[in-house]
Amino acid sequence: MTQKVFLTPFLLIAVTLIGLGDVLYLAYYQYLNLIPSCALGGCEVVLSSEYSKFFGVPLSYLGLVYYVYALCLFVLLAAEPKSQAMRFAALLYTGVGAVLSAVFIFYIQLGLIGALCFYCAISAAVAGALFMLSLVHFIKTK
């Protein structure tokens, strides 16, 4: 009897690497205290606002921690794709990330700041995609 291979954990890893590359780029520029060039023109406004840091820590650093932990979680999920605890942890973790990203994009950037950072939007899209993939995996592996 052959064992069924689930592709969603590997898709989760691939999408996480996109998000990791995005926040690494932002974290590098914030470490150098520079503003990266932006296709939308709002990065300068967003990244220099008072909302770009949480208790003095740049949000790109927090995003970096989020994606590193997500990568570790999804590697474990790839090893045990039917684990109830791993499936639930992935769904919960990505759900929190998607909600926080949506709050940051829609409420803080568009609502309070009035500008949109291209790199932050990429990270929010990745967080949403991770949640959707986690939800698909959670449902398909019952």
C-alpha atoms as a PDB file:
ATOM      1  CA  MET A   1       0.000   0.000   0.000  1.00  0.00           C
ATOM      2  CA  THR A   2       1.389   3.415  -0.926  1.00  0.00           C
ATOM      3  CA  GLN A   3       1.204   6.359   1.402  1.00  0.00           C
ATOM      4  CA  LYS A   4      -0.587   9.482   0.152  1.00  0.00           C
ATOM      5  CA  VAL A   5       1.661  12.525  -0.283  1.00  0.00           C
ATOM      6  CA  PHE A   6       0.139  15.849   0.704  1.00  0.00           C
ATOM      7  CA  LEU A   7       1.451  18.773  -1.339  1.00  0.00           C
ATOM      8  CA  THR A   8       0.005  21.587   0.756  1.00  0.00           C
ATOM      9  CA  PRO A   9       2.810  21.540   3.363  1.00  0.00           C
ATOM     10  CA  PHE A  10       5.334  21.978   0.555  1.00  0.00           C
ATOM     11  CA  LEU A  11       3.285  24.787  -0.949  1.00  0.00           C
ATOM     12  CA  LEU A  12       3.188  26.383   2.500  1.00  0.00           C
ATOM     13  CA  ILE A  13       6.999  26.168   2.662  1.00  0.00           C
ATOM     14  CA  ALA A  14       7.366  27.712  -0.802  1.00  0.00           C
ATOM     15  CA  VAL A  15       5.003  30.607  -0.062  1.00  0.00           C
ATOM     16  CA  THR A  16       6.691  31.171   3.304  1.00  0.00           C
ATOM     17  CA  LEU A  17      10.030  31.550   1.528  1.00  0.00           C
ATOM     18  CA  ILE A  18       8.498  34.341  -0.579  1.00  0.00           C
ATOM     19  CA  GLY A  19       7.360  36.129   2.570  1.00  0.00           C
ATOM     20  CA  LEU A  20      10.725  35.536   4.205  1.00  0.00           C
ATOM     21  CA  GLY A  21      12.526  37.104   1.249  1.00  0.00           C
ATOM     22  CA  ASP A  22      10.191  40.093   1.358  1.00  0.00           C
ATOM     23  CA  VAL A  23      10.699  40.842   5.057  1.00  0.00           C
ATOM     24  CA  LEU A  24      14.431  40.128   4.859  1.00  0.00           C
ATOM     25  CA  TYR A  25      14.655  42.878   2.244  1.00  0.00           C
ATOM     26  CA  LEU A  26      12.717  45.302   4.450  1.00  0.00           C
ATOM     27  CA  ALA A  27      14.604  44.318   7.599  1.00  0.00           C
ATOM     28  CA  TYR A  28      17.933  44.851   5.819  1.00  0.00           C
ATOM     29  CA  TYR A  29      16.946  48.368   4.806  1.00  0.00           C
ATOM     30  CA  GLN A  30      15.556  49.160   8.243  1.00  0.00           C
ATOM     31  CA  TYR A  31      18.735  47.853   9.861  1.00  0.00           C
ATOM     32  CA  LEU A  32      20.697  50.302   7.693  1.00  0.00           C
ATOM     33  CA  ASN A  33      18.151  53.004   8.580  1.00  0.00           C
ATOM     34  CA  LEU A  34      17.268  53.477   4.905  1.00  0.00           C
ATOM     35  CA  ILE A  35      13.969  53.471   3.031  1.00  0.00           C
ATOM     36  CA  PRO A  36      13.811  51.096   0.027  1.00  0.00           C
ATOM     37  CA  SER A  37      12.557  52.359  -3.302  1.00  0.00           C
ATOM     38  CA  CYS A  38       8.864  51.662  -3.722  1.00  0.00           C
ATOM     39  CA  ALA A  39       6.708  51.082  -6.781  1.00  0.00           C
ATOM     40  CA  LEU A  40       3.669  52.653  -5.082  1.00  0.00           C
ATOM     41  CA  GLY A  41       5.458  55.583  -3.485  1.00  0.00           C
ATOM     42  CA  GLY A  42       3.995  54.999  -0.030  1.00  0.00           C
ATOM     43  CA  CYS A  43       6.876  53.074   1.519  1.00  0.00           C
ATOM     44  CA  GLU A  44       8.631  56.246   2.652  1.00  0.00           C
ATOM     45  CA  VAL A  45       5.526  57.437   4.480  1.00  0.00           C
ATOM     46  CA  VAL A  46       4.694  54.071   6.058  1.00  0.00           C
ATOM     47  CA  LEU A  47       8.220  53.047   7.061  1.00  0.00           C
ATOM     48  CA  SER A  48       8.990  56.426   8.632  1.00  0.00           C
ATOM     49  CA  SER A  49       5.686  56.677  10.512  1.00  0.00           C
ATOM     50  CA  GLU A  50       5.243  56.136  14.212  1.00  0.00           C
ATOM     51  CA  TYR A  51       3.337  52.923  13.394  1.00  0.00           C
ATOM     52  CA  SER A  52       6.341  51.248  11.742  1.00  0.00           C
ATOM     53  CA  LYS A  53       7.603  50.065  15.134  1.00  0.00           C
ATOM     54  CA  PHE A  54       6.033  48.066  17.932  1.00  0.00           C
ATOM     55  CA  PHE A  55       7.595  48.955  21.294  1.00  0.00           C
ATOM     56  CA  GLY A  56      10.662  50.204  19.439  1.00  0.00           C
ATOM     57  CA  VAL A  57      11.063  47.058  17.312  1.00  0.00           C
ATOM     58  CA  PRO A  58      10.577  47.526  13.542  1.00  0.00           C
ATOM     59  CA  LEU A  59       7.627  45.517  12.251  1.00  0.00           C
ATOM     60  CA  SER A  60       9.863  43.973   9.581  1.00  0.00           C
ATOM     61  CA  TYR A  61      11.852  42.293  12.373  1.00  0.00           C
ATOM     62  CA  LEU A  62       8.630  40.895  13.822  1.00  0.00           C
ATOM     63  CA  GLY A  63       7.679  39.719  10.332  1.00  0.00           C
ATOM     64  CA  LEU A  64      11.042  38.010  10.073  1.00  0.00           C
ATOM     65  CA  VAL A  65      10.390  36.124  13.307  1.00  0.00           C
ATOM     66  CA  TYR A  66       6.877  35.240  12.076  1.00  0.00           C
ATOM     67  CA  TYR A  67       8.117  33.737   8.814  1.00  0.00           C
ATOM     68  CA  VAL A  68      11.032  31.849  10.409  1.00  0.00           C
ATOM     69  CA  TYR A  69       8.666  30.223  12.916  1.00  0.00           C
ATOM     70  CA  ALA A  70       6.172  29.536  10.122  1.00  0.00           C
ATOM     71  CA  LEU A  71       8.898  27.862   8.075  1.00  0.00           C
ATOM     72  CA  CYS A  72       9.803  25.618  11.014  1.00  0.00           C
ATOM     73  CA  LEU A  73       6.142  24.804  11.616  1.00  0.00           C
ATOM     74  CA  PHE A  74       5.553  23.889   7.976  1.00  0.00           C
ATOM     75  CA  VAL A  75       8.646  21.685   7.828  1.00  0.00           C
ATOM     76  CA  LEU A  76       7.245  19.783  10.799  1.00  0.00           C
ATOM     77  CA  LEU A  77       3.850  19.677   9.089  1.00  0.00           C
ATOM     78  CA  ALA A  78       5.472  18.226   5.957  1.00  0.00           C
ATOM     79  CA  ALA A  79       6.996  15.480   8.118  1.00  0.00           C
ATOM     80  CA  GLU A  80       3.654  14.697   9.808  1.00  0.00           C
ATOM     81  CA  PRO A  81       0.902  16.037   7.522  1.00  0.00           C
ATOM     82  CA  LYS A  82      -1.924  14.203   9.313  1.00  0.00           C
ATOM     83  CA  SER A  83      -0.997  15.298  12.823  1.00  0.00           C
ATOM     84  CA  GLN A  84      -4.060  16.934  14.356  1.00  0.00           C
ATOM     85  CA  ALA A  85      -1.949  19.197  16.569  1.00  0.00           C
ATOM     86  CA  MET A  86       0.300  20.347  13.698  1.00  0.00           C
ATOM     87  CA  ARG A  87      -2.678  20.980  11.415  1.00  0.00           C
ATOM     88  CA  PHE A  88      -4.423  23.031  14.082  1.00  0.00           C
ATOM     89  CA  ALA A  89      -1.224  24.904  14.988  1.00  0.00           C
ATOM     90  CA  ALA A  90      -0.651  25.823  11.332  1.00  0.00           C
ATOM     91  CA  LEU A  91      -4.235  27.009  10.950  1.00  0.00           C
ATOM     92  CA  LEU A  92      -4.141  29.053  14.149  1.00  0.00           C
ATOM     93  CA  TYR A  93      -0.702  30.540  13.484  1.00  0.00           C
ATOM     94  CA  THR A  94      -1.499  31.577   9.927  1.00  0.00           C
ATOM     95  CA  GLY A  95      -4.928  32.850  10.966  1.00  0.00           C
ATOM     96  CA  VAL A  96      -3.393  35.190  13.524  1.00  0.00           C
ATOM     97  CA  GLY A  97      -0.827  36.332  10.950  1.00  0.00           C
ATOM     98  CA  ALA A  98      -3.508  37.018   8.342  1.00  0.00           C
ATOM     99  CA  VAL A  99      -5.658  38.994  10.788  1.00  0.00           C
ATOM    100  CA  LEU A 100      -2.717  41.081  12.010  1.00  0.00           C
ATOM    101  CA  SER A 101      -1.619  41.737   8.428  1.00  0.00           C
ATOM    102  CA  ALA A 102      -5.125  42.827   7.465  1.00  0.00           C
ATOM    103  CA  VAL A 103      -5.293  45.180  10.450  1.00  0.00           C
ATOM    104  CA  PHE A 104      -1.918  46.647   9.569  1.00  0.00           C
ATOM    105  CA  ILE A 105      -2.797  47.137   5.892  1.00  0.00           C
ATOM    106  CA  PHE A 106      -6.411  48.266   6.069  1.00  0.00           C
ATOM    107  CA  TYR A 107      -6.662  50.006   9.420  1.00  0.00           C
ATOM    108  CA  ILE A 108      -3.191  51.393  10.050  1.00  0.00           C
ATOM    109  CA  GLN A 109      -1.751  51.989   6.581  1.00  0.00           C
ATOM    110  CA  LEU A 110      -4.832  52.928   4.595  1.00  0.00           C
ATOM    111  CA  GLY A 111      -6.874  54.307   7.493  1.00  0.00           C
ATOM    112  CA  LEU A 112      -4.495  56.069   9.839  1.00  0.00           C
ATOM    113  CA  ILE A 113      -1.425  56.737   7.693  1.00  0.00           C
ATOM    114  CA  GLY A 114      -3.155  57.153   4.337  1.00  0.00           C
ATOM    115  CA  ALA A 115      -0.401  55.409   2.359  1.00  0.00           C
ATOM    116  CA  LEU A 116       0.360  51.858   1.277  1.00  0.00           C
ATOM    117  CA  CYS A 117       3.766  50.174   1.404  1.00  0.00           C
ATOM    118  CA  PHE A 118       4.313  47.798  -1.528  1.00  0.00           C
ATOM    119  CA  TYR A 119       6.459  45.398   0.518  1.00  0.00           C
ATOM    120  CA  CYS A 120       3.975  45.345   3.393  1.00  0.00           C
ATOM    121  CA  ALA A 121       1.204  44.567   0.903  1.00  0.00           C
ATOM    122  CA  ILE A 122       3.245  41.631  -0.439  1.00  0.00           C
ATOM    123  CA  SER A 123       3.712  40.334   3.097  1.00  0.00           C
ATOM    124  CA  ALA A 124      -0.018  40.686   3.805  1.00  0.00           C
ATOM    125  CA  ALA A 125      -0.864  38.806   0.605  1.00  0.00           C
ATOM    126  CA  VAL A 126       1.552  36.052   1.592  1.00  0.00           C
ATOM    127  CA  ALA A 127       0.003  35.861   5.074  1.00  0.00           C
ATOM    128  CA  GLY A 128      -3.440  35.540   3.509  1.00  0.00           C
ATOM    129  CA  ALA A 129      -2.229  32.854   1.114  1.00  0.00           C
ATOM    130  CA  LEU A 130      -0.652  30.941   4.004  1.00  0.00           C
ATOM    131  CA  PHE A 131      -3.939  31.001   5.884  1.00  0.00           C
ATOM    132  CA  MET A 132      -5.869  29.781   2.844  1.00  0.00           C
ATOM    133  CA  LEU A 133      -3.376  26.964   2.218  1.00  0.00           C
ATOM    134  CA  SER A 134      -3.465  25.981   5.893  1.00  0.00           C
ATOM    135  CA  LEU A 135      -7.248  25.911   5.781  1.00  0.00           C
ATOM    136  CA  VAL A 136      -7.202  23.707   2.668  1.00  0.00           C
ATOM    137  CA  HIS A 137      -4.718  21.353   4.317  1.00  0.00           C
ATOM    138  CA  PHE A 138      -6.752  21.258   7.528  1.00  0.00           C
ATOM    139  CA  ILE A 139      -9.921  20.347   5.635  1.00  0.00           C
ATOM    140  CA  LYS A 140      -8.357  17.851   3.195  1.00  0.00           C
ATOM    141  CA  THR A 141      -6.489  15.814   5.830  1.00  0.00           C
ATOM    142  CA  LYS A 142      -9.379  14.969   8.162  1.00  0.00           C
END
